[in-house]
Amino acid sequence: MASQWHSLVSQKLFLARTLLSQLENDSGPMKDRPATEAELAMGREAVIQGAIELLLRSRRLLLVMIARLYQKRSEEPATLDELAALIGEAPNDIARLRELESQPGSWWNHLDQMEASQSRPPVTRKSVSAENIIAVSADTGPDRSAQGLRRTLGAMKNFADDLEEQHSEW
């Protein structure tokens, strides 16, 4: 049963990878005329946001997969805290996820940042003029580059595959 969930997680990750590959083929929509800069920018943003949503869905499905590995057949935890409440803090899988959650550069942390970013309107930026130039570091948000998303995707895929392999050995 859990392997079906692993397949579903893998499918979502594959779809996200497929979307990200479209960023390299940035030729625009299939039309008789070349795409405008605005069309290319909108297409790129749609691909990035779509890939992020698939990664976020994959993470949620990963939590359900873990619940199934621990014989929790009807529960579908949406957060790590819900999963921990369901199966306890003792299992090694929870400890690994907790460590990833607290690690600044981890795939889990990257997904947390992207989820927060996607769930809020963009920050309004002040216009720069000669009178108001002050050197301040601006929050640029999470890494939404294709390379950054691929790195997170690969780390998630490795985690899910390792988890499936460990539990199928029993």
Protein backbone atom coordinates (compact mmCIF):
# COMPACT_ATOMS: atom_id res chain seq x y z
CA MET A 1 0.00 0.00 0.00
CA ALA A 2 2.77 2.43 0.89
CA SER A 3 4.49 1.75 -2.45
CA GLN A 4 1.41 3.14 -4.19
CA TRP A 5 1.97 6.35 -2.24
CA HIS A 6 5.66 6.28 -3.17
CA SER A 7 4.60 6.01 -6.82
CA LEU A 8 2.28 8.99 -6.40
CA VAL A 9 5.03 11.07 -4.77
CA SER A 10 7.41 10.06 -7.56
CA GLN A 11 4.81 10.97 -10.19
CA LYS A 12 4.36 14.49 -8.79
CA LEU A 13 8.13 14.97 -8.65
CA PHE A 14 8.45 13.76 -12.24
CA LEU A 15 5.77 16.23 -13.35
CA ALA A 16 7.60 19.05 -11.54
CA ARG A 17 10.84 18.05 -13.28
CA THR A 18 9.01 18.01 -16.62
CA LEU A 19 7.70 21.52 -15.99
CA LEU A 20 11.16 22.77 -15.04
CA SER A 21 12.60 21.34 -18.25
CA GLN A 22 10.33 23.74 -20.14
CA LEU A 23 12.37 26.63 -18.76
CA GLU A 24 15.26 25.49 -20.95
CA ASN A 25 13.00 25.38 -24.00
CA ASP A 26 11.98 29.00 -23.58
CA SER A 27 10.71 29.39 -27.12
CA GLY A 28 7.31 30.62 -26.03
CA PRO A 29 3.83 29.39 -26.86
CA MET A 30 3.35 27.43 -30.06
CA LYS A 31 2.07 30.13 -32.36
CA ASP A 32 2.80 31.46 -35.82
CA ARG A 33 4.62 34.41 -34.31
CA PRO A 34 7.42 34.64 -31.76
CA ALA A 35 6.41 35.17 -28.15
CA THR A 36 6.65 38.64 -26.67
CA GLU A 37 8.79 39.33 -23.61
CA ALA A 38 5.60 39.59 -21.51
CA GLU A 39 4.36 36.20 -22.75
CA LEU A 40 7.74 34.62 -22.01
CA ALA A 41 7.80 36.15 -18.51
CA MET A 42 4.25 34.96 -17.76
CA GLY A 43 5.03 31.49 -19.08
CA ARG A 44 8.17 31.31 -16.98
CA GLU A 45 6.30 32.39 -13.86
CA ALA A 46 3.54 29.85 -14.54
CA VAL A 47 6.12 27.07 -14.89
CA ILE A 48 7.92 28.08 -11.69
CA GLN A 49 4.73 28.39 -9.63
CA GLY A 50 3.37 25.13 -11.07
CA ALA A 51 6.58 23.29 -10.21
CA ILE A 52 6.54 24.74 -6.68
CA GLU A 53 2.94 23.64 -6.18
CA LEU A 54 3.81 20.13 -7.36
CA LEU A 55 6.78 20.03 -4.95
CA LEU A 56 4.53 21.17 -2.09
CA ARG A 57 1.94 18.54 -3.01
CA SER A 58 4.71 15.92 -3.13
CA ARG A 59 5.80 16.84 0.38
CA ARG A 60 2.26 16.47 1.69
CA LEU A 61 1.90 13.12 -0.07
CA LEU A 62 5.22 12.06 1.44
CA LEU A 63 3.73 12.62 4.90
CA VAL A 64 0.76 10.42 3.96
CA MET A 65 3.18 7.80 2.61
CA ILE A 66 5.01 7.76 5.96
CA ALA A 67 1.71 7.41 7.82
CA ARG A 68 0.90 4.40 5.63
CA LEU A 69 4.34 2.91 6.32
CA TYR A 70 3.37 3.00 10.00
CA GLN A 71 0.01 1.31 9.30
CA LYS A 72 -2.08 4.48 9.69
CA ARG A 73 -4.42 3.63 6.82
CA SER A 74 -7.11 6.31 7.04
CA GLU A 75 -5.17 9.32 8.27
CA GLU A 76 -3.72 11.92 5.91
CA PRO A 77 -1.45 14.25 7.89
CA ALA A 78 -0.89 17.65 6.26
CA THR A 79 2.03 18.75 8.44
CA LEU A 80 5.02 17.22 10.16
CA ASP A 81 3.44 17.99 13.54
CA GLU A 82 0.28 16.10 12.54
CA LEU A 83 2.39 13.13 11.41
CA ALA A 84 4.37 13.18 14.66
CA ALA A 85 1.13 13.27 16.67
CA LEU A 86 -0.08 10.28 14.67
CA ILE A 87 2.97 7.99 14.87
CA GLY A 88 4.94 9.59 17.71
CA GLU A 89 8.24 11.42 17.83
CA ALA A 90 10.27 8.22 18.36
CA PRO A 91 10.53 6.84 14.81
CA ASN A 92 13.75 7.65 12.99
CA ASP A 93 11.76 9.03 10.04
CA ILE A 94 10.31 11.78 12.25
CA ALA A 95 13.76 12.58 13.63
CA ARG A 96 15.16 12.87 10.10
CA LEU A 97 12.34 15.19 9.05
CA ARG A 98 12.71 17.29 12.21
CA GLU A 99 16.41 17.67 11.45
CA LEU A 100 15.63 18.73 7.87
CA GLU A 101 12.99 21.15 9.16
CA SER A 102 15.56 22.93 11.36
CA GLN A 103 18.41 22.87 8.82
CA PRO A 104 18.56 26.20 6.93
CA GLY A 105 19.67 24.81 3.54
CA SER A 106 17.56 21.63 3.51
CA TRP A 107 14.92 20.74 0.96
CA TRP A 108 12.25 20.79 3.69
CA ASN A 109 13.25 24.28 4.77
CA HIS A 110 13.35 25.45 1.14
CA LEU A 111 9.79 24.17 0.64
CA ASP A 112 8.66 25.97 3.83
CA GLN A 113 10.09 29.21 2.45
CA MET A 114 8.46 28.73 -0.94
CA GLU A 115 5.11 27.83 0.61
CA ALA A 116 5.18 31.02 2.67
CA SER A 117 6.21 33.03 -0.39
CA GLN A 118 3.48 31.54 -2.62
CA SER A 119 0.81 32.09 0.03
CA ARG A 120 1.29 35.85 0.36
CA PRO A 121 1.00 38.77 -2.04
CA PRO A 122 4.30 40.15 -3.31
CA VAL A 123 6.01 42.71 -1.11
CA THR A 124 5.58 46.29 -2.29
CA ARG A 125 8.94 47.80 -3.13
CA LYS A 126 9.75 51.45 -2.53
CA SER A 127 10.91 53.44 -5.48
CA VAL A 128 14.53 54.52 -5.36
CA SER A 129 15.44 58.16 -5.67
CA ALA A 130 18.52 60.22 -4.85
CA GLU A 131 16.97 61.33 -1.53
CA ASN A 132 16.06 57.90 -0.16
CA ILE A 133 19.04 55.73 -1.06
CA ILE A 134 20.11 53.83 2.02
CA ALA A 135 22.20 50.71 1.96
CA VAL A 136 20.01 47.95 3.31
CA SER A 137 19.89 44.30 2.54
CA ALA A 138 16.64 43.44 0.80
CA ASP A 139 14.87 40.17 1.43
CA THR A 140 14.89 38.50 -1.97
CA GLY A 141 12.81 35.54 -0.85
CA PRO A 142 13.48 31.86 -1.42
CA ASP A 143 15.52 30.58 -4.36
CA ARG A 144 12.98 30.08 -7.15
CA SER A 145 15.57 29.42 -9.84
CA ALA A 146 15.24 26.29 -11.95
CA GLN A 147 18.55 25.07 -10.50
CA GLY A 148 17.37 25.65 -6.90
CA LEU A 149 14.06 23.91 -7.55
CA ARG A 150 15.83 20.98 -9.22
CA ARG A 151 18.15 20.66 -6.21
CA THR A 152 15.16 20.51 -3.85
CA LEU A 153 13.36 18.10 -6.16
CA GLY A 154 16.37 15.78 -6.30
CA ALA A 155 16.82 15.80 -2.54
CA MET A 156 13.12 15.04 -2.04
CA LYS A 157 13.25 12.20 -4.54
CA ASN A 158 16.29 10.70 -2.80
CA PHE A 159 14.56 10.98 0.59
CA ALA A 160 11.37 9.32 -0.67
CA ASP A 161 13.30 6.55 -2.44
CA ASP A 162 15.46 5.89 0.64
CA LEU A 163 12.38 5.78 2.83
CA GLU A 164 10.61 3.33 0.52
CA GLU A 165 13.72 1.15 0.29
CA GLN A 166 14.26 1.07 4.07
CA HIS A 167 10.68 0.15 4.81
CA SER A 168 10.40 -2.44 2.05
CA GLU A 169 13.34 -4.33 3.57
CA TRP A 170 11.23 -5.25 6.60
